[in-house]
C-alpha atoms as a PDB file:
ATOM      1  CA  MET A   1      -7.172  -0.889  16.610  1.00  0.00           C
ATOM      2  CA  SER A   2      -6.873   0.828  19.992  1.00  0.00           C
ATOM      3  CA  LEU A   3      -4.664   3.859  20.474  1.00  0.00           C
ATOM      4  CA  ASP A   4      -2.298   2.095  22.859  1.00  0.00           C
ATOM      5  CA  ALA A   5      -1.641  -0.599  20.224  1.00  0.00           C
ATOM      6  CA  LEU A   6      -1.081   1.725  17.280  1.00  0.00           C
ATOM      7  CA  ASP A   7       2.554   2.545  18.016  1.00  0.00           C
ATOM      8  CA  ALA A   8       3.609  -1.057  17.422  1.00  0.00           C
ATOM      9  CA  TYR A   9       2.264  -0.801  13.892  1.00  0.00           C
ATOM     10  CA  ILE A  10       4.139   2.363  12.936  1.00  0.00           C
ATOM     11  CA  PRO A  11       7.501   1.436  11.361  1.00  0.00           C
ATOM     12  CA  LYS A  12      10.501   2.479  13.430  1.00  0.00           C
ATOM     13  CA  ARG A  13      12.783   4.755  11.440  1.00  0.00           C
ATOM     14  CA  ARG A  14      16.553   4.505  11.256  1.00  0.00           C
ATOM     15  CA  LYS A  15      17.940   8.037  11.182  1.00  0.00           C
ATOM     16  CA  SER A  16      20.998   7.088   9.131  1.00  0.00           C
ATOM     17  CA  LEU A  17      18.741   5.947   6.297  1.00  0.00           C
ATOM     18  CA  ASP A  18      16.095   8.609   6.844  1.00  0.00           C
ATOM     19  CA  ASP A  19      18.692  11.287   6.145  1.00  0.00           C
ATOM     20  CA  LYS A  20      19.179   9.744   2.720  1.00  0.00           C
ATOM     21  CA  LEU A  21      15.627   8.691   1.945  1.00  0.00           C
ATOM     22  CA  GLY A  22      13.609  11.561   3.362  1.00  0.00           C
ATOM     23  CA  SER A  23       9.896  11.228   4.040  1.00  0.00           C
ATOM     24  CA  ALA A  24       7.980   8.885   1.746  1.00  0.00           C
ATOM     25  CA  VAL A  25       4.522   9.283   3.240  1.00  0.00           C
ATOM     26  CA  GLY A  26       3.296  11.891   0.796  1.00  0.00           C
ATOM     27  CA  TRP A  27       5.035  15.234   1.348  1.00  0.00           C
ATOM     28  CA  LEU A  28       2.885  16.361   4.287  1.00  0.00           C
ATOM     29  CA  THR A  29       4.259  15.954   7.792  1.00  0.00           C
ATOM     30  CA  GLY A  30       3.238  16.638  11.377  1.00  0.00           C
ATOM     31  CA  GLU A  31       0.801  19.431  12.043  1.00  0.00           C
ATOM     32  CA  LYS A  32       0.066  20.189   8.378  1.00  0.00           C
ATOM     33  CA  TYR A  33      -0.929  16.573   7.831  1.00  0.00           C
ATOM     34  CA  ARG A  34      -3.274  16.543  10.823  1.00  0.00           C
ATOM     35  CA  GLU A  35      -4.824  19.844   9.807  1.00  0.00           C
ATOM     36  CA  ARG A  36      -5.564  18.430   6.357  1.00  0.00           C
ATOM     37  CA  VAL A  37      -7.190  15.273   7.763  1.00  0.00           C
ATOM     38  CA  ILE A  38      -9.359  17.173  10.239  1.00  0.00           C
ATOM     39  CA  GLN A  39     -10.534  19.708   7.667  1.00  0.00           C
ATOM     40  CA  ASN A  40     -11.387  17.048   5.077  1.00  0.00           C
ATOM     41  CA  ILE A  41     -13.464  15.088   7.588  1.00  0.00           C
ATOM     42  CA  LYS A  42     -15.235  18.250   8.726  1.00  0.00           C
ATOM     43  CA  ASN A  43     -16.074  19.012   5.094  1.00  0.00           C
ATOM     44  CA  HIS A  44     -17.621  15.569   4.729  1.00  0.00           C
ATOM     45  CA  GLU A  45     -19.534  15.844   7.988  1.00  0.00           C
ATOM     46  CA  GLN A  46     -21.207  19.008   6.687  1.00  0.00           C
ATOM     47  CA  ARG A  47     -22.767  16.939   3.899  1.00  0.00           C
ATOM     48  CA  VAL A  48     -24.029  14.132   6.159  1.00  0.00           C
ATOM     49  CA  THR A  49     -27.800  13.687   6.426  1.00  0.00           C
ATOM     50  CA  TYR A  50     -29.625  12.750   9.626  1.00  0.00           C
ATOM     51  CA  LYS A  51     -30.297   9.290   8.197  1.00  0.00           C
ATOM     52  CA  GLN A  52     -26.596   8.634   7.573  1.00  0.00           C
ATOM     53  CA  GLY A  53     -25.461   9.710  11.009  1.00  0.00           C
ATOM     54  CA  ARG A  54     -21.765  10.001  10.105  1.00  0.00           C
ATOM     55  CA  TYR A  55     -19.460  10.773   7.230  1.00  0.00           C
ATOM     56  CA  PRO A  56     -18.788   7.873   4.809  1.00  0.00           C
ATOM     57  CA  SER A  57     -16.144   5.736   6.540  1.00  0.00           C
ATOM     58  CA  ILE A  58     -14.703   2.274   6.055  1.00  0.00           C
ATOM     59  CA  VAL A  59     -15.882   1.698   9.644  1.00  0.00           C
ATOM     60  CA  ASP A  60     -19.208   0.897   7.987  1.00  0.00           C
ATOM     61  CA  GLU A  61     -17.511  -1.991   6.131  1.00  0.00           C
ATOM     62  CA  ILE A  62     -16.168  -3.838   9.196  1.00  0.00           C
ATOM     63  CA  GLY A  63     -16.790  -7.572   8.796  1.00  0.00           C
ATOM     64  CA  THR A  64     -18.005  -7.388   5.200  1.00  0.00           C
ATOM     65  CA  LEU A  65     -14.899  -9.089   3.762  1.00  0.00           C
ATOM     66  CA  SER A  66     -14.646 -12.033   6.149  1.00  0.00           C
ATOM     67  CA  GLY A  67     -13.516 -15.120   4.258  1.00  0.00           C
ATOM     68  CA  LYS A  68     -12.585 -13.174   1.124  1.00  0.00           C
ATOM     69  CA  LYS A  69      -9.238 -13.465  -0.647  1.00  0.00           C
ATOM     70  CA  ILE A  70      -7.762 -10.062  -1.489  1.00  0.00           C
ATOM     71  CA  ILE A  71      -5.577  -9.632  -4.555  1.00  0.00           C
ATOM     72  CA  VAL A  72      -3.625  -6.388  -4.185  1.00  0.00           C
ATOM     73  CA  VAL A  73      -2.525  -4.904  -7.505  1.00  0.00           C
ATOM     74  CA  GLY A  74       0.373  -2.454  -7.462  1.00  0.00           C
ATOM     75  CA  GLY A  75       2.077  -0.891 -10.428  1.00  0.00           C
ATOM     76  CA  GLY A  76       5.417  -2.718 -10.599  1.00  0.00           C
ATOM     77  CA  SER A  77       6.503  -3.859 -14.045  1.00  0.00           C
ATOM     78  CA  SER A  78       6.064  -7.547 -13.251  1.00  0.00           C
ATOM     79  CA  VAL A  79       2.295  -7.156 -12.864  1.00  0.00           C
ATOM     80  CA  ALA A  80       2.071  -7.286 -16.663  1.00  0.00           C
ATOM     81  CA  ASP A  81       3.381 -10.871 -16.436  1.00  0.00           C
ATOM     82  CA  THR A  82       1.126 -11.902 -13.551  1.00  0.00           C
ATOM     83  CA  LEU A  83      -2.066 -10.386 -15.012  1.00  0.00           C
ATOM     84  CA  PRO A  84      -3.251 -13.795 -16.366  1.00  0.00           C
ATOM     85  CA  ARG A  85      -3.128 -15.147 -12.812  1.00  0.00           C
ATOM     86  CA  ILE A  86      -5.229 -12.212 -11.573  1.00  0.00           C
ATOM     87  CA  ARG A  87      -7.780 -12.793 -14.342  1.00  0.00           C
ATOM     88  CA  SER A  88      -8.088 -16.500 -13.618  1.00  0.00           C
ATOM     89  CA  ARG A  89      -8.491 -16.037  -9.877  1.00  0.00           C
ATOM     90  CA  ARG A  90     -11.246 -13.465 -10.383  1.00  0.00           C
ATOM     91  CA  ARG A  91     -12.977 -15.702 -12.941  1.00  0.00           C
ATOM     92  CA  VAL A  92     -13.067 -18.923 -10.907  1.00  0.00           C
ATOM     93  CA  SER A  93     -14.075 -17.562  -7.498  1.00  0.00           C
ATOM     94  CA  SER A  94     -16.549 -14.986  -6.269  1.00  0.00           C
ATOM     95  CA  GLN A  95     -14.615 -14.976  -2.992  1.00  0.00           C
ATOM     96  CA  VAL A  96     -11.729 -13.122  -4.651  1.00  0.00           C
ATOM     97  CA  LYS A  97     -11.726  -9.328  -4.502  1.00  0.00           C
ATOM     98  CA  ILE A  98      -9.360  -7.157  -6.542  1.00  0.00           C
ATOM     99  CA  VAL A  99      -7.893  -4.059  -4.858  1.00  0.00           C
ATOM    100  CA  ALA A 100      -6.090  -1.564  -7.096  1.00  0.00           C
ATOM    101  CA  ALA A 101      -3.578   0.915  -5.714  1.00  0.00           C
ATOM    102  CA  ASN A 102      -3.143   4.275  -7.439  1.00  0.00           C
ATOM    103  CA  LYS A 103      -2.926   4.192 -11.259  1.00  0.00           C
ATOM    104  CA  SER A 104      -3.187   0.389 -11.302  1.00  0.00           C
ATOM    105  CA  HIS A 105      -6.937   1.064 -11.205  1.00  0.00           C
ATOM    106  CA  ASP A 106      -7.057   2.614 -14.678  1.00  0.00           C
ATOM    107  CA  TRP A 107      -4.466   0.146 -15.978  1.00  0.00           C
ATOM    108  CA  LEU A 108      -6.637  -2.819 -14.958  1.00  0.00           C
ATOM    109  CA  ILE A 109      -9.706  -1.238 -16.562  1.00  0.00           C
ATOM    110  CA  SER A 110      -7.710  -0.711 -19.774  1.00  0.00           C
ATOM    111  CA  LYS A 111      -7.112  -4.478 -19.708  1.00  0.00           C
ATOM    112  CA  GLY A 112     -10.845  -5.180 -19.392  1.00  0.00           C
ATOM    113  CA  MET A 113     -10.959  -5.771 -15.636  1.00  0.00           C
ATOM    114  CA  VAL A 114     -12.784  -3.428 -13.246  1.00  0.00           C
ATOM    115  CA  PRO A 115     -11.331  -3.769  -9.723  1.00  0.00           C
ATOM    116  CA  ASP A 116     -13.653  -4.171  -6.750  1.00  0.00           C
ATOM    117  CA  TYR A 117     -11.830  -1.485  -4.781  1.00  0.00           C
ATOM    118  CA  GLY A 118      -9.548   1.436  -5.559  1.00  0.00           C
ATOM    119  CA  VAL A 119      -7.322   2.927  -2.850  1.00  0.00           C
ATOM    120  CA  LEU A 120      -5.600   6.328  -2.749  1.00  0.00           C
ATOM    121  CA  SER A 121      -3.463   7.922  -0.022  1.00  0.00           C
ATOM    122  CA  ASP A 122      -0.877  10.327  -1.509  1.00  0.00           C
ATOM    123  CA  PRO A 123      -1.720  13.909  -0.385  1.00  0.00           C
ATOM    124  CA  ARG A 124      -0.236  15.556  -3.491  1.00  0.00           C
ATOM    125  CA  PRO A 125      -2.771  17.080  -5.917  1.00  0.00           C
ATOM    126  CA  HIS A 126      -1.575  15.149  -8.970  1.00  0.00           C
ATOM    127  CA  VAL A 127      -3.316  12.088  -7.504  1.00  0.00           C
ATOM    128  CA  LEU A 128      -6.404  13.600  -9.137  1.00  0.00           C
ATOM    129  CA  ASN A 129      -5.253  11.923 -12.358  1.00  0.00           C
ATOM    130  CA  TYR A 130      -4.595   8.486 -10.876  1.00  0.00           C
ATOM    131  CA  MET A 131      -8.120   7.085 -11.138  1.00  0.00           C
ATOM    132  CA  THR A 132     -11.079   7.567 -13.452  1.00  0.00           C
ATOM    133  CA  PRO A 133     -14.047   6.697 -11.187  1.00  0.00           C
ATOM    134  CA  HIS A 134     -16.150   3.694 -12.248  1.00  0.00           C
ATOM    135  CA  LYS A 135     -19.679   2.914 -11.062  1.00  0.00           C
ATOM    136  CA  ASP A 136     -18.812  -0.731 -10.318  1.00  0.00           C
ATOM    137  CA  CYS A 137     -15.882   0.061  -8.038  1.00  0.00           C
ATOM    138  CA  THR A 138     -15.819   1.143  -4.376  1.00  0.00           C
ATOM    139  CA  TYR A 139     -13.148   3.670  -3.425  1.00  0.00           C
ATOM    140  CA  PHE A 140     -11.297   3.921  -0.128  1.00  0.00           C
ATOM    141  CA  LEU A 141      -9.902   7.453  -0.065  1.00  0.00           C
ATOM    142  CA  ALA A 142      -7.470   8.575   2.619  1.00  0.00           C
ATOM    143  CA  ALA A 143      -8.638  11.569   4.623  1.00  0.00           C
ATOM    144  CA  CYS A 144      -5.294  13.260   3.898  1.00  0.00           C
ATOM    145  CA  LEU A 145      -5.920  13.589   0.143  1.00  0.00           C
ATOM    146  CA  ASP A 146      -5.887  16.981  -1.513  1.00  0.00           C
ATOM    147  CA  PRO A 147      -9.491  18.311  -1.323  1.00  0.00           C
ATOM    148  CA  ILE A 148      -9.656  18.553  -5.108  1.00  0.00           C
ATOM    149  CA  VAL A 149      -9.447  14.753  -5.359  1.00  0.00           C
ATOM    150  CA  PHE A 150     -12.717  14.264  -3.480  1.00  0.00           C
ATOM    151  CA  GLU A 151     -14.488  16.474  -6.010  1.00  0.00           C
ATOM    152  CA  ARG A 152     -13.685  13.969  -8.733  1.00  0.00           C
ATOM    153  CA  PHE A 153     -15.370  11.157  -6.794  1.00  0.00           C
ATOM    154  CA  GLN A 154     -18.614  12.969  -6.030  1.00  0.00           C
ATOM    155  CA  GLY A 155     -21.524  10.740  -7.053  1.00  0.00           C
ATOM    156  CA  TYR A 156     -19.466   7.543  -6.759  1.00  0.00           C
ATOM    157  CA  ASP A 157     -19.223   5.060  -3.897  1.00  0.00           C
ATOM    158  CA  TYR A 158     -16.318   6.129  -1.704  1.00  0.00           C
ATOM    159  CA  LYS A 159     -15.418   5.954   1.977  1.00  0.00           C
ATOM    160  CA  LEU A 160     -12.753   7.613   4.101  1.00  0.00           C
ATOM    161  CA  TRP A 161      -9.935   6.151   6.175  1.00  0.00           C
ATOM    162  CA  VAL A 162      -7.184   7.802   8.214  1.00  0.00           C
ATOM    163  CA  PRO A 163      -3.531   6.840   7.621  1.00  0.00           C
ATOM    164  CA  VAL A 164      -1.585   6.960  10.886  1.00  0.00           C
ATOM    165  CA  ASN A 165       2.031   8.024  10.432  1.00  0.00           C
ATOM    166  CA  GLU A 166       2.839   9.333  13.923  1.00  0.00           C
ATOM    167  CA  GLU A 167       1.625   8.649  17.454  1.00  0.00           C
ATOM    168  CA  ASP A 168       0.122  12.137  17.620  1.00  0.00           C
ATOM    169  CA  ASP A 169      -2.242  11.591  14.688  1.00  0.00           C
ATOM    170  CA  PRO A 170      -5.158   9.719  16.367  1.00  0.00           C
ATOM    171  CA  PRO A 171      -5.317  11.820  19.570  1.00  0.00           C
ATOM    172  CA  ALA A 172      -5.328  15.041  17.546  1.00  0.00           C
ATOM    173  CA  LEU A 173      -8.187  13.820  15.390  1.00  0.00           C
ATOM    174  CA  ILE A 174     -10.242  12.522  18.321  1.00  0.00           C
ATOM    175  CA  GLU A 175      -9.796  15.810  20.176  1.00  0.00           C
ATOM    176  CA  ALA A 176     -10.880  17.836  17.130  1.00  0.00           C
ATOM    177  CA  LEU A 177     -13.675  15.461  16.090  1.00  0.00           C
ATOM    178  CA  PRO A 178     -14.827  13.528  19.173  1.00  0.00           C
ATOM    179  CA  SER A 179     -17.192  10.612  18.792  1.00  0.00           C
ATOM    180  CA  ASP A 180     -20.493  10.710  20.653  1.00  0.00           C
ATOM    181  CA  ASP A 181     -21.905   7.307  19.765  1.00  0.00           C
ATOM    182  CA  GLY A 182     -19.078   4.886  20.580  1.00  0.00           C
ATOM    183  CA  TRP A 183     -17.395   4.573  17.182  1.00  0.00           C
ATOM    184  CA  GLU A 184     -13.872   5.571  16.283  1.00  0.00           C
ATOM    185  CA  HIS A 185     -12.447   6.959  13.106  1.00  0.00           C
ATOM    186  CA  ALA A 186     -10.951   4.339  10.795  1.00  0.00           C
ATOM    187  CA  PHE A 187      -7.275   4.611  11.771  1.00  0.00           C
ATOM    188  CA  VAL A 188      -4.936   2.505   9.637  1.00  0.00           C
ATOM    189  CA  SER A 189      -1.271   2.155  10.557  1.00  0.00           C
ATOM    190  CA  GLY A 190       1.332   0.510   8.387  1.00  0.00           C
ATOM    191  CA  GLY A 191       4.184   1.149   6.003  1.00  0.00           C
ATOM    192  CA  SER A 192       4.967   4.335   4.136  1.00  0.00           C
ATOM    193  CA  THR A 193       3.436   3.125   0.847  1.00  0.00           C
ATOM    194  CA  ILE A 194      -0.109   2.235  -0.099  1.00  0.00           C
ATOM    195  CA  GLY A 195       1.027  -1.297  -1.019  1.00  0.00           C
ATOM    196  CA  LEU A 196       1.963  -2.036   2.595  1.00  0.00           C
ATOM    197  CA  ARG A 197      -1.052  -0.153   3.983  1.00  0.00           C
ATOM    198  CA  ILE A 198      -3.761  -2.124   2.131  1.00  0.00           C
ATOM    199  CA  PRO A 199      -3.478  -5.447   4.048  1.00  0.00           C
ATOM    200  CA  PRO A 200      -3.840  -3.809   7.502  1.00  0.00           C
ATOM    201  CA  MET A 201      -6.800  -1.812   6.198  1.00  0.00           C
ATOM    202  CA  PHE A 202      -8.597  -4.799   4.708  1.00  0.00           C
ATOM    203  CA  SER A 203      -7.889  -6.894   7.806  1.00  0.00           C
ATOM    204  CA  ILE A 204      -9.991  -4.367   9.701  1.00  0.00           C
ATOM    205  CA  LEU A 205     -12.801  -5.253   7.289  1.00  0.00           C
ATOM    206  CA  GLY A 206     -12.456  -8.987   7.909  1.00  0.00           C
ATOM    207  CA  ALA A 207     -10.008 -10.291   5.284  1.00  0.00           C
ATOM    208  CA  ASN A 208      -6.795 -12.095   6.209  1.00  0.00           C
ATOM    209  CA  ASP A 209      -5.624 -13.717   2.929  1.00  0.00           C
ATOM    210  CA  PHE A 210      -3.609 -11.416   0.668  1.00  0.00           C
ATOM    211  CA  GLU A 211      -1.955 -12.073  -2.692  1.00  0.00           C
ATOM    212  CA  MET A 212       0.217  -9.140  -3.768  1.00  0.00           C
ATOM    213  CA  HIS A 213       1.098  -8.314  -7.384  1.00  0.00           C
ATOM    214  CA  GLY A 214       3.222  -5.508  -8.806  1.00  0.00           C
ATOM    215  CA  LEU A 215       5.118  -4.948  -5.555  1.00  0.00           C
ATOM    216  CA  ASP A 216       8.499  -5.051  -7.342  1.00  0.00           C
ATOM    217  CA  SER A 217       9.999  -1.967  -5.617  1.00  0.00           C
ATOM    218  CA  CYS A 218      12.779  -1.647  -8.200  1.00  0.00           C
ATOM    219  CA  TYR A 219      13.465  -0.889 -11.842  1.00  0.00           C
ATOM    220  CA  GLN A 220      13.776  -3.623 -14.397  1.00  0.00           C
ATOM    221  CA  PRO A 221      17.383  -4.405 -15.399  1.00  0.00           C
ATOM    222  CA  ALA A 222      18.522  -2.038 -18.171  1.00  0.00           C
ATOM    223  CA  GLU A 223      21.070  -3.084 -20.773  1.00  0.00           C
ATOM    224  CA  THR A 224      20.768   0.125 -22.839  1.00  0.00           C
ATOM    225  CA  GLU A 225      19.469   3.643 -22.277  1.00  0.00           C
ATOM    226  CA  ASP A 226      16.278   2.732 -24.137  1.00  0.00           C
ATOM    227  CA  ASP A 227      15.609   0.041 -21.497  1.00  0.00           C
ATOM    228  CA  ALA A 228      15.956   2.404 -18.554  1.00  0.00           C
ATOM    229  CA  LEU A 229      13.377   3.821 -16.144  1.00  0.00           C
ATOM    230  CA  HIS A 230      10.920   0.946 -16.203  1.00  0.00           C
ATOM    231  CA  LEU A 231       9.635   1.094 -12.641  1.00  0.00           C
ATOM    232  CA  TYR A 232       5.942   0.723 -13.477  1.00  0.00           C
ATOM    233  CA  ALA A 233       3.820  -1.358 -15.794  1.00  0.00           C
ATOM    234  CA  TYR A 234       2.362   1.856 -17.202  1.00  0.00           C
ATOM    235  CA  ASP A 235       3.370   5.446 -17.822  1.00  0.00           C
ATOM    236  CA  LYS A 236       3.569   7.449 -14.584  1.00  0.00           C
ATOM    237  CA  PRO A 237       5.180  10.816 -15.329  1.00  0.00           C
ATOM    238  CA  GLU A 238       4.199  12.187 -11.909  1.00  0.00           C
ATOM    239  CA  SER A 239       6.723   9.915 -10.181  1.00  0.00           C
ATOM    240  CA  ASP A 240      10.237  10.828  -9.151  1.00  0.00           C
ATOM    241  CA  TYR A 241      12.465   8.804 -11.453  1.00  0.00           C
ATOM    242  CA  GLU A 242      15.609   9.229  -9.411  1.00  0.00           C
ATOM    243  CA  LEU A 243      18.179   6.452  -9.341  1.00  0.00           C
ATOM    244  CA  ILE A 244      19.322   4.896  -6.080  1.00  0.00           C
ATOM    245  CA  ASP A 245      21.583   1.844  -6.045  1.00  0.00           C
ATOM    246  CA  VAL A 246      20.245  -0.438  -3.297  1.00  0.00           C
ATOM    247  CA  THR A 247      21.507  -3.700  -1.849  1.00  0.00           C
ATOM    248  CA  ALA A 248      18.873  -5.647   0.078  1.00  0.00           C
ATOM    249  CA  VAL A 249      19.989  -8.459   2.385  1.00  0.00           C
ATOM    250  CA  SER A 250      17.832 -11.483   3.158  1.00  0.00           C
ATOM    251  CA  ARG A 251      17.423 -12.053   6.897  1.00  0.00           C
ATOM    252  CA  GLU A 252      16.924 -15.754   6.247  1.00  0.00           C
ATOM    253  CA  THR A 253      19.976 -16.525   4.068  1.00  0.00           C
ATOM    254  CA  GLU A 254      22.114 -13.323   4.105  1.00  0.00           C
ATOM    255  CA  ALA A 255      22.080 -13.415   0.311  1.00  0.00           C
ATOM    256  CA  GLN A 256      22.067  -9.980  -1.367  1.00  0.00           C
ATOM    257  CA  PHE A 257      19.880  -8.467  -4.087  1.00  0.00           C
ATOM    258  CA  ARG A 258      21.300  -5.350  -5.768  1.00  0.00           C
ATOM    259  CA  CYS A 259      18.960  -3.159  -7.790  1.00  0.00           C
ATOM    260  CA  ILE A 260      18.086   0.375  -8.873  1.00  0.00           C
ATOM    261  CA  THR A 261      15.084   2.083  -7.270  1.00  0.00           C
ATOM    262  CA  ASN A 262      13.769   5.433  -6.006  1.00  0.00           C
ATOM    263  CA  LYS A 263      13.209   6.806  -2.499  1.00  0.00           C
ATOM    264  CA  ASN A 264       9.602   5.730  -2.013  1.00  0.00           C
ATOM    265  CA  MET A 265      10.253   2.209  -3.274  1.00  0.00           C
ATOM    266  CA  ALA A 266      13.432   1.947  -1.190  1.00  0.00           C
ATOM    267  CA  ASN A 267      11.357   2.749   1.878  1.00  0.00           C
ATOM    268  CA  GLN A 268       8.830   0.098   0.883  1.00  0.00           C
ATOM    269  CA  MET A 269      11.597  -2.459   0.465  1.00  0.00           C
ATOM    270  CA  ARG A 270      13.219  -1.800   3.822  1.00  0.00           C
ATOM    271  CA  GLU A 271       9.825  -1.922   5.582  1.00  0.00           C
ATOM    272  CA  PHE A 272       8.763  -5.211   3.980  1.00  0.00           C
ATOM    273  CA  PRO A 273      10.385  -7.572   6.549  1.00  0.00           C
ATOM    274  CA  TRP A 274       8.721  -5.524   9.316  1.00  0.00           C
ATOM    275  CA  PHE A 275       5.415  -5.870   7.438  1.00  0.00           C
ATOM    276  CA  LEU A 276       5.784  -9.671   7.302  1.00  0.00           C
ATOM    277  CA  ASP A 277       6.552  -9.818  11.027  1.00  0.00           C
ATOM    278  CA  LYS A 278       3.410  -7.842  11.899  1.00  0.00           C
ATOM    279  CA  ALA A 279       1.308 -10.020   9.597  1.00  0.00           C
ATOM    280  CA  LYS A 280       2.058 -13.083  11.736  1.00  0.00           C
ATOM    281  CA  ALA A 281       0.116 -11.646  14.682  1.00  0.00           C
ATOM    282  CA  PHE A 282      -1.950  -8.698  13.555  1.00  0.00           C
ATOM    283  CA  VAL A 283      -3.993  -7.120  16.365  1.00  0.00           C
ATOM    284  CA  LEU A 284      -7.527  -6.057  15.495  1.00  0.00           C
ATOM    285  CA  ASN A 285      -9.193  -3.732  17.965  1.00  0.00           C
ATOM    286  CA  ASN A 286     -12.309  -2.223  16.427  1.00  0.00           C
ATOM    287  CA  VAL A 287     -15.052  -0.107  17.932  1.00  0.00           C
ATOM    288  CA  GLN A 288     -18.455  -0.272  16.298  1.00  0.00           C
ATOM    289  CA  ASP A 289     -21.801   0.786  17.756  1.00  0.00           C
ATOM    290  CA  GLY A 290     -20.180   1.179  21.146  1.00  0.00           C
ATOM    291  CA  LEU A 291     -18.801  -2.371  21.295  1.00  0.00           C
ATOM    292  CA  ILE A 292     -15.080  -3.214  21.373  1.00  0.00           C
ATOM    293  CA  SER A 293     -13.941  -6.297  19.503  1.00  0.00           C
ATOM    294  CA  GLU A 294     -10.302  -7.281  19.997  1.00  0.00           C
ATOM    295  CA  LYS A 295      -8.511 -10.277  18.541  1.00  0.00           C
ATOM    296  CA  THR A 296      -5.220 -11.321  17.009  1.00  0.00           C
ATOM    297  CA  VAL A 297      -5.248 -12.743  13.506  1.00  0.00           C
ATOM    298  CA  GLU A 298      -2.572 -14.194  11.255  1.00  0.00           C
ATOM    299  CA  GLN A 299      -2.519 -12.571   7.858  1.00  0.00           C
ATOM    300  CA  LYS A 300      -1.621 -14.930   5.049  1.00  0.00           C
ATOM    301  CA  VAL A 301       0.612 -13.015   2.637  1.00  0.00           C
ATOM    302  CA  THR A 302       1.904 -14.316  -0.694  1.00  0.00           C
ATOM    303  CA  VAL A 303       3.787 -12.242  -3.247  1.00  0.00           C
ATOM    304  CA  ALA A 304       3.794 -12.700  -7.019  1.00  0.00           C
ATOM    305  CA  GLY A 305       6.083 -11.367  -9.725  1.00  0.00           C
ATOM    306  CA  ASP A 306       9.751 -10.401  -9.621  1.00  0.00           C
ATOM    307  CA  GLY A 307      11.909  -7.653  -8.177  1.00  0.00           C
ATOM    308  CA  VAL A 308      13.455  -6.917  -4.797  1.00  0.00           C
ATOM    309  CA  ILE A 309      10.327  -7.417  -2.651  1.00  0.00           C
ATOM    310  CA  PRO A 310       9.280 -10.635  -4.453  1.00  0.00           C
ATOM    311  CA  TRP A 311      12.867 -11.837  -3.938  1.00  0.00           C
ATOM    312  CA  LEU A 312      12.711 -11.021  -0.217  1.00  0.00           C
ATOM    313  CA  ALA A 313       9.318 -12.764  -0.060  1.00  0.00           C
ATOM    314  CA  TRP A 314      10.795 -15.845  -1.730  1.00  0.00           C
ATOM    315  CA  LYS A 315      13.622 -15.944   0.815  1.00  0.00           C
ATOM    316  CA  ALA A 316      11.030 -15.608   3.577  1.00  0.00           C
ATOM    317  CA  GLY A 317       8.990 -18.513   2.170  1.00  0.00           C
ATOM    318  CA  CYS A 318       5.959 -16.581   0.935  1.00  0.00           C
ATOM    319  CA  HIS A 319       6.402 -16.267  -2.838  1.00  0.00           C
ATOM    320  CA  LEU A 320       3.620 -17.541  -5.078  1.00  0.00           C
ATOM    321  CA  THR A 321       5.970 -19.422  -7.455  1.00  0.00           C
ATOM    322  CA  PRO A 322       9.139 -20.333  -5.525  1.00  0.00           C
ATOM    323  CA  ASP A 323      10.336 -22.807  -8.155  1.00  0.00           C
ATOM    324  CA  ALA A 324      10.370 -20.090 -10.813  1.00  0.00           C
ATOM    325  CA  MET A 325      12.320 -17.778  -8.488  1.00  0.00           C
ATOM    326  CA  GLN A 326      14.814 -20.553  -7.755  1.00  0.00           C
ATOM    327  CA  LYS A 327      15.305 -21.209 -11.454  1.00  0.00           C
ATOM    328  CA  LYS A 328      15.868 -17.534 -12.252  1.00  0.00           C
ATOM    329  CA  HIS A 329      17.924 -16.349  -9.269  1.00  0.00           C
ATOM    330  CA  GLY A 330      19.529 -19.420  -7.709  1.00  0.00           C
ATOM    331  CA  ASN A 331      20.861 -19.415  -4.162  1.00  0.00           C
ATOM    332  CA  GLY A 332      23.569 -16.765  -4.346  1.00  0.00           C
ATOM    333  CA  ASP A 333      23.697 -12.987  -4.607  1.00  0.00           C
ATOM    334  CA  VAL A 334      21.736 -11.233  -7.355  1.00  0.00           C
ATOM    335  CA  ASP A 335      22.712  -8.163  -9.387  1.00  0.00           C
ATOM    336  CA  ASN A 336      19.450  -6.940 -10.916  1.00  0.00           C
ATOM    337  CA  ARG A 337      20.778  -3.666 -12.376  1.00  0.00           C
ATOM    338  CA  GLY A 338      21.773  -4.504 -15.947  1.00  0.00           C
ATOM    339  CA  GLU A 339      24.787  -3.125 -17.800  1.00  0.00           C
ATOM    340  CA  PHE A 340      23.376   0.377 -18.388  1.00  0.00           C
ATOM    341  CA  TYR A 341      22.686   1.037 -14.716  1.00  0.00           C
ATOM    342  CA  LYS A 342      26.031  -0.472 -13.677  1.00  0.00           C
ATOM    343  CA  GLN A 343      27.811   2.313 -15.534  1.00  0.00           C
ATOM    344  CA  LEU A 344      25.909   5.146 -13.851  1.00  0.00           C
ATOM    345  CA  ARG A 345      26.956   7.073 -10.753  1.00  0.00           C
ATOM    346  CA  THR A 346      24.109   6.580  -8.287  1.00  0.00           C
ATOM    347  CA  GLU A 347      23.599   6.937  -4.554  1.00  0.00           C
ATOM    348  CA  ASN A 348      24.397   3.665  -2.849  1.00  0.00           C
ATOM    349  CA  TYR A 349      23.391   2.101   0.461  1.00  0.00           C
ATOM    350  CA  ALA A 350      22.464  -1.238   1.961  1.00  0.00           C
ATOM    351  CA  ALA A 351      19.118  -1.985   3.601  1.00  0.00           C
END
């Protein structure tokens, strides 16, 4: 994607909500973020052989996933219910590729399924424990990761990509690490979470059909204290288990979905309608071997499971099982908190 087009694919922030939510892009901002990216790429360039010609980048994968269906697996609780669907799709078609975000990678392997790709982007060092590298999986590692994470993946198949969070990110990188053979670094714009960043990334590689699982973005309803804090399908003690009372409003019907979530997932939820809008006319502008290829593609996005984002997807007409959502939630407002959460004092806002 060209630099002049990138800004349209960076979510516009609303200051009133940002003051409450804070930054959800991984606890590095501005200059510190760019310094990390530049240094990590320089470290990789030092290990490049003459035969390779460049550091390992997803630029090398452009076009390799044309015609493939991408199943994105996040960690939301509902992915435990949709796992049979993921298994069956993988089993019946070689055109289906499984992409695991964060700890979903190890969770899938524990269920007997090795994903085709694992993706990491959080710059905090605890990400080191998110994935146990597997020889049959290819890893797309963000250039902003803590350097210690790359050490764990030495000897395995991994490639770098550059998350773009601000307009200043690409120019700073190009100035520090200019290209001399006509190729650009693999810049990937998108939402503040890896779940919303994977489809733009894999569109660069040729895919345009995405089925998203575990993108719940909220806690399961809790009737008792023992039911509480179920945000993920697996144990994730590194996460911030804060409680924010959120009301999401459907643009299509104005119906409301009230739930409990945390800051990162609240950001993901409020960015989801923007993500769907961009998917309708996603601009690809790649540079490879000195040649520019620009086109607009429509990303097909369907969402499985339950939670606030699946509910928003259902209202927008892109849920995998709309009849099941209709049967469970009906046409009116939804209170997804449960009696235990209803009794708690939590921060409240609408998005």
